[in-house]
């Protein structure tokens, strides 16, 4: 039972890490001059993953 509690506490942090990595990859691609992938990653990070992380 303790392992299930540990996983439920770790899940919100996992969403935050995924959101942060996505946003960082978006900014990295934007700095390289990317005009297609960068906006997609940034929108996915800010508009999808961050709200999911907040709600979890």
PDB file of N, CA and C in Angstrom:
ATOM      1  N   UNK A   1       0.814  -1.192   0.000  1.00  0.00           N
ATOM      2  CA  UNK A   1       0.000   0.000   0.000  1.00  0.00           C
ATOM      3  C   UNK A   1       0.860   1.258   0.000  1.00  0.00           C
ATOM      4  N   UNK A   2       2.024   1.205   0.637  1.00  0.00           N
ATOM      5  CA  UNK A   2       2.891   2.382   0.715  1.00  0.00           C
ATOM      6  C   UNK A   2       3.418   2.773  -0.665  1.00  0.00           C
ATOM      7  N   UNK A   3       3.645   1.772  -1.529  1.00  0.00           N
ATOM      8  CA  UNK A   3       4.151   2.081  -2.861  1.00  0.00           C
ATOM      9  C   UNK A   3       3.090   2.808  -3.686  1.00  0.00           C
ATOM     10  N   UNK A   4       1.836   2.465  -3.517  1.00  0.00           N
ATOM     11  CA  UNK A   4       0.761   3.149  -4.230  1.00  0.00           C
ATOM     12  C   UNK A   4       0.654   4.601  -3.772  1.00  0.00           C
ATOM     13  N   UNK A   5       0.841   4.852  -2.477  1.00  0.00           N
ATOM     14  CA  UNK A   5       0.815   6.223  -1.975  1.00  0.00           C
ATOM     15  C   UNK A   5       1.986   7.025  -2.528  1.00  0.00           C
ATOM     16  N   UNK A   6       3.129   6.388  -2.654  1.00  0.00           N
ATOM     17  CA  UNK A   6       4.313   7.074  -3.165  1.00  0.00           C
ATOM     18  C   UNK A   6       4.119   7.452  -4.631  1.00  0.00           C
ATOM     19  N   UNK A   7       3.519   6.574  -5.417  1.00  0.00           N
ATOM     20  CA  UNK A   7       3.274   6.870  -6.823  1.00  0.00           C
ATOM     21  C   UNK A   7       2.262   7.988  -6.989  1.00  0.00           C
ATOM     22  N   UNK A   8       1.240   8.030  -6.145  1.00  0.00           N
ATOM     23  CA  UNK A   8       0.241   9.090  -6.269  1.00  0.00           C
ATOM     24  C   UNK A   8       0.827  10.439  -5.885  1.00  0.00           C
ATOM     25  N   UNK A   9       1.838  10.464  -5.025  1.00  0.00           N
ATOM     26  CA  UNK A   9       2.486  11.719  -4.676  1.00  0.00           C
ATOM     27  C   UNK A   9       3.477  12.136  -5.746  1.00  0.00           C
ATOM     28  N   UNK A  10       4.035  11.203  -6.474  1.00  0.00           N
ATOM     29  CA  UNK A  10       5.036  11.514  -7.483  1.00  0.00           C
ATOM     30  C   UNK A  10       4.409  11.956  -8.806  1.00  0.00           C
ATOM     31  N   UNK A  11       3.164  11.620  -9.049  1.00  0.00           N
ATOM     32  CA  UNK A  11       2.542  11.941 -10.332  1.00  0.00           C
ATOM     33  C   UNK A  11       2.463  13.430 -10.624  1.00  0.00           C
ATOM     34  N   UNK A  12       2.046  14.285  -9.695  1.00  0.00           N
ATOM     35  CA  UNK A  12       2.021  15.713 -10.032  1.00  0.00           C
ATOM     36  C   UNK A  12       3.399  16.254 -10.411  1.00  0.00           C
ATOM     37  N   UNK A  13       4.434  15.783  -9.759  1.00  0.00           N
ATOM     38  CA  UNK A  13       5.778  16.231 -10.107  1.00  0.00           C
ATOM     39  C   UNK A  13       6.164  15.759 -11.489  1.00  0.00           C
ATOM     40  N   UNK A  14       5.722  14.589 -11.881  1.00  0.00           N
ATOM     41  CA  UNK A  14       6.006  14.077 -13.211  1.00  0.00           C
ATOM     42  C   UNK A  14       5.390  14.973 -14.280  1.00  0.00           C
ATOM     43  N   UNK A  15       4.163  15.413 -14.065  1.00  0.00           N
ATOM     44  CA  UNK A  15       3.513  16.324 -15.018  1.00  0.00           C
ATOM     45  C   UNK A  15       4.267  17.635 -15.117  1.00  0.00           C
ATOM     46  N   UNK A  16       4.749  18.160 -13.971  1.00  0.00           N
ATOM     47  CA  UNK A  16       5.512  19.411 -13.987  1.00  0.00           C
ATOM     48  C   UNK A  16       6.825  19.237 -14.736  1.00  0.00           C
ATOM     49  N   UNK A  17       7.482  18.107 -14.555  1.00  0.00           N
ATOM     50  CA  UNK A  17       8.745  17.856 -15.246  1.00  0.00           C
ATOM     51  C   UNK A  17       8.512  17.737 -16.754  1.00  0.00           C
ATOM     52  N   UNK A  18       7.473  17.033 -17.152  1.00  0.00           N
ATOM     53  CA  UNK A  18       7.153  16.902 -18.571  1.00  0.00           C
ATOM     54  C   UNK A  18       6.833  18.267 -19.173  1.00  0.00           C
ATOM     55  N   UNK A  19       6.060  19.082 -18.451  1.00  0.00           N
ATOM     56  CA  UNK A  19       5.728  20.424 -18.937  1.00  0.00           C
ATOM     57  C   UNK A  19       6.978  21.282 -19.068  1.00  0.00           C
ATOM     58  N   UNK A  20       7.855  21.238 -18.074  1.00  0.00           N
ATOM     59  CA  UNK A  20       9.071  22.055 -18.111  1.00  0.00           C
ATOM     60  C   UNK A  20       9.988  21.633 -19.256  1.00  0.00           C
ATOM     61  N   UNK A  21      10.147  20.339 -19.453  1.00  0.00           N
ATOM     62  CA  UNK A  21      11.006  19.853 -20.537  1.00  0.00           C
ATOM     63  C   UNK A  21      10.421  20.260 -21.888  1.00  0.00           C
ATOM     64  N   UNK A  22       9.116  20.145 -22.045  1.00  0.00           N
ATOM     65  CA  UNK A  22       8.474  20.535 -23.301  1.00  0.00           C
ATOM     66  C   UNK A  22       8.678  22.016 -23.584  1.00  0.00           C
ATOM     67  N   UNK A  23       8.488  22.843 -22.562  1.00  0.00           N
ATOM     68  CA  UNK A  23       8.671  24.289 -22.726  1.00  0.00           C
ATOM     69  C   UNK A  23      10.124  24.619 -23.033  1.00  0.00           C
ATOM     70  N   UNK A  24      11.053  23.992 -22.337  1.00  0.00           N
ATOM     71  CA  UNK A  24      12.468  24.240 -22.605  1.00  0.00           C
ATOM     72  C   UNK A  24      12.870  23.806 -24.017  1.00  0.00           C
ATOM     73  N   UNK A  25      12.350  22.678 -24.460  1.00  0.00           N
ATOM     74  CA  UNK A  25      12.630  22.244 -25.829  1.00  0.00           C
ATOM     75  C   UNK A  25      12.041  23.221 -26.841  1.00  0.00           C
ATOM     76  N   UNK A  26      10.870  23.753 -26.537  1.00  0.00           N
ATOM     77  CA  UNK A  26      10.258  24.745 -27.421  1.00  0.00           C
ATOM     78  C   UNK A  26      11.092  26.005 -27.518  1.00  0.00           C
ATOM     79  N   UNK A  27      11.581  26.505 -26.383  1.00  0.00           N
ATOM     80  CA  UNK A  27      12.426  27.698 -26.408  1.00  0.00           C
ATOM     81  C   UNK A  27      13.775  27.417 -27.069  1.00  0.00           C
ATOM     82  N   UNK A  28      14.315  26.230 -26.871  1.00  0.00           N
ATOM     83  CA  UNK A  28      15.581  25.873 -27.510  1.00  0.00           C
ATOM     84  C   UNK A  28      15.419  25.845 -29.031  1.00  0.00           C
ATOM     85  N   UNK A  29      14.327  25.277 -29.496  1.00  0.00           N
ATOM     86  CA  UNK A  29      14.082  25.235 -30.932  1.00  0.00           C
ATOM     87  C   UNK A  29      13.815  26.644 -31.469  1.00  0.00           C
ATOM     88  N   UNK A  30      13.135  27.466 -30.695  1.00  0.00           N
ATOM     89  CA  UNK A  30      12.873  28.841 -31.096  1.00  0.00           C
ATOM     90  C   UNK A  30      14.179  29.627 -31.213  1.00  0.00           C
ATOM     91  N   UNK A  31      15.109  29.388 -30.317  1.00  0.00           N
ATOM     92  CA  UNK A  31      16.406  30.071 -30.367  1.00  0.00           C
ATOM     93  C   UNK A  31      17.214  29.645 -31.597  1.00  0.00           C
ATOM     94  N   UNK A  32      16.996  28.416 -32.043  1.00  0.00           N
ATOM     95  CA  UNK A  32      17.681  27.930 -33.252  1.00  0.00           C
ATOM     96  C   UNK A  32      17.042  28.464 -34.517  1.00  0.00           C
ATOM     97  N   UNK A  33      15.886  29.091 -34.386  1.00  0.00           N
ATOM     98  CA  UNK A  33      15.198  29.627 -35.553  1.00  0.00           C
ATOM     99  C   UNK A  33      14.038  28.768 -36.017  1.00  0.00           C
ATOM    100  N   UNK A  34      13.633  27.836 -35.200  1.00  0.00           N
ATOM    101  CA  UNK A  34      12.523  26.969 -35.572  1.00  0.00           C
ATOM    102  C   UNK A  34      11.214  27.737 -35.627  1.00  0.00           C
ATOM    103  N   UNK A  35      10.453  27.521 -36.685  1.00  0.00           N
ATOM    104  CA  UNK A  35       9.178  28.233 -36.822  1.00  0.00           C
ATOM    105  C   UNK A  35       7.983  27.286 -36.847  1.00  0.00           C
ATOM    106  N   UNK A  36       8.222  25.997 -36.833  1.00  0.00           N
ATOM    107  CA  UNK A  36       7.112  25.047 -36.866  1.00  0.00           C
ATOM    108  C   UNK A  36       6.999  24.265 -35.568  1.00  0.00           C
ATOM    109  N   UNK A  37       8.067  23.641 -35.152  1.00  0.00           N
ATOM    110  CA  UNK A  37       8.033  22.775 -33.975  1.00  0.00           C
ATOM    111  C   UNK A  37       7.988  23.590 -32.683  1.00  0.00           C
ATOM    112  N   UNK A  38       8.717  24.702 -32.647  1.00  0.00           N
ATOM    113  CA  UNK A  38       8.801  25.509 -31.427  1.00  0.00           C
ATOM    114  C   UNK A  38       7.427  25.994 -30.961  1.00  0.00           C
ATOM    115  N   UNK A  39       6.610  26.596 -31.815  1.00  0.00           N
ATOM    116  CA  UNK A  39       5.294  27.037 -31.343  1.00  0.00           C
ATOM    117  C   UNK A  39       4.399  25.887 -30.881  1.00  0.00           C
ATOM    118  N   UNK A  40       4.529  24.753 -31.553  1.00  0.00           N
ATOM    119  CA  UNK A  40       3.721  23.594 -31.158  1.00  0.00           C
ATOM    120  C   UNK A  40       4.121  23.134 -29.759  1.00  0.00           C
ATOM    121  N   UNK A  41       5.421  23.049 -29.515  1.00  0.00           N
ATOM    122  CA  UNK A  41       5.886  22.630 -28.187  1.00  0.00           C
ATOM    123  C   UNK A  41       5.499  23.642 -27.114  1.00  0.00           C
ATOM    124  N   UNK A  42       5.627  24.921 -27.411  1.00  0.00           N
ATOM    125  CA  UNK A  42       5.287  25.944 -26.419  1.00  0.00           C
ATOM    126  C   UNK A  42       3.805  25.959 -26.114  1.00  0.00           C
ATOM    127  N   UNK A  43       2.967  25.852 -27.130  1.00  0.00           N
ATOM    128  CA  UNK A  43       1.516  25.811 -26.898  1.00  0.00           C
ATOM    129  C   UNK A  43       1.142  24.556 -26.124  1.00  0.00           C
ATOM    130  N   UNK A  44       1.732  23.430 -26.491  1.00  0.00           N
ATOM    131  CA  UNK A  44       1.437  22.187 -25.766  1.00  0.00           C
ATOM    132  C   UNK A  44       1.876  22.291 -24.315  1.00  0.00           C
ATOM    133  N   UNK A  45       3.035  22.896 -24.092  1.00  0.00           N
ATOM    134  CA  UNK A  45       3.531  23.030 -22.725  1.00  0.00           C
ATOM    135  C   UNK A  45       2.689  23.968 -21.889  1.00  0.00           C
ATOM    136  N   UNK A  46       2.448  25.178 -22.409  1.00  0.00           N
ATOM    137  CA  UNK A  46       1.741  26.186 -21.625  1.00  0.00           C
ATOM    138  C   UNK A  46       0.224  25.971 -21.560  1.00  0.00           C
ATOM    139  N   UNK A  47      -0.373  25.524 -22.649  1.00  0.00           N
ATOM    140  CA  UNK A  47      -1.843  25.444 -22.707  1.00  0.00           C
ATOM    141  C   UNK A  47      -2.407  24.069 -22.372  1.00  0.00           C
ATOM    142  N   UNK A  48      -1.572  23.046 -22.413  1.00  0.00           N
ATOM    143  CA  UNK A  48      -2.069  21.694 -22.130  1.00  0.00           C
ATOM    144  C   UNK A  48      -1.408  21.113 -20.882  1.00  0.00           C
ATOM    145  N   UNK A  49      -0.091  21.055 -20.875  1.00  0.00           N
ATOM    146  CA  UNK A  49       0.605  20.328 -19.803  1.00  0.00           C
ATOM    147  C   UNK A  49       0.629  21.078 -18.468  1.00  0.00           C
ATOM    148  N   UNK A  50       0.812  22.395 -18.507  1.00  0.00           N
ATOM    149  CA  UNK A  50       0.810  23.151 -17.241  1.00  0.00           C
ATOM    150  C   UNK A  50      -0.570  23.089 -16.567  1.00  0.00           C
ATOM    151  N   UNK A  51      -1.681  23.296 -17.300  1.00  0.00           N
ATOM    152  CA  UNK A  51      -2.984  23.129 -16.634  1.00  0.00           C
ATOM    153  C   UNK A  51      -3.222  21.717 -16.096  1.00  0.00           C
ATOM    154  N   UNK A  52      -2.758  20.711 -16.815  1.00  0.00           N
ATOM    155  CA  UNK A  52      -2.892  19.340 -16.317  1.00  0.00           C
ATOM    156  C   UNK A  52      -2.102  19.191 -15.012  1.00  0.00           C
ATOM    157  N   UNK A  53      -0.882  19.750 -14.983  1.00  0.00           N
ATOM    158  CA  UNK A  53      -0.065  19.660 -13.773  1.00  0.00           C
ATOM    159  C   UNK A  53      -0.710  20.395 -12.613  1.00  0.00           C
ATOM    160  N   UNK A  54      -1.335  21.526 -12.888  1.00  0.00           N
ATOM    161  CA  UNK A  54      -2.015  22.271 -11.820  1.00  0.00           C
ATOM    162  C   UNK A  54      -3.207  21.494 -11.279  1.00  0.00           C
ATOM    163  N   UNK A  55      -3.963  20.871 -12.155  1.00  0.00           N
ATOM    164  CA  UNK A  55      -5.180  20.168 -11.744  1.00  0.00           C
ATOM    165  C   UNK A  55      -4.914  18.820 -11.083  1.00  0.00           C
ATOM    166  N   UNK A  56      -3.753  18.248 -11.316  1.00  0.00           N
ATOM    167  CA  UNK A  56      -3.459  16.921 -10.724  1.00  0.00           C
ATOM    168  C   UNK A  56      -3.046  17.053  -9.300  1.00  0.00           C
TER     169      UNK A  56
END
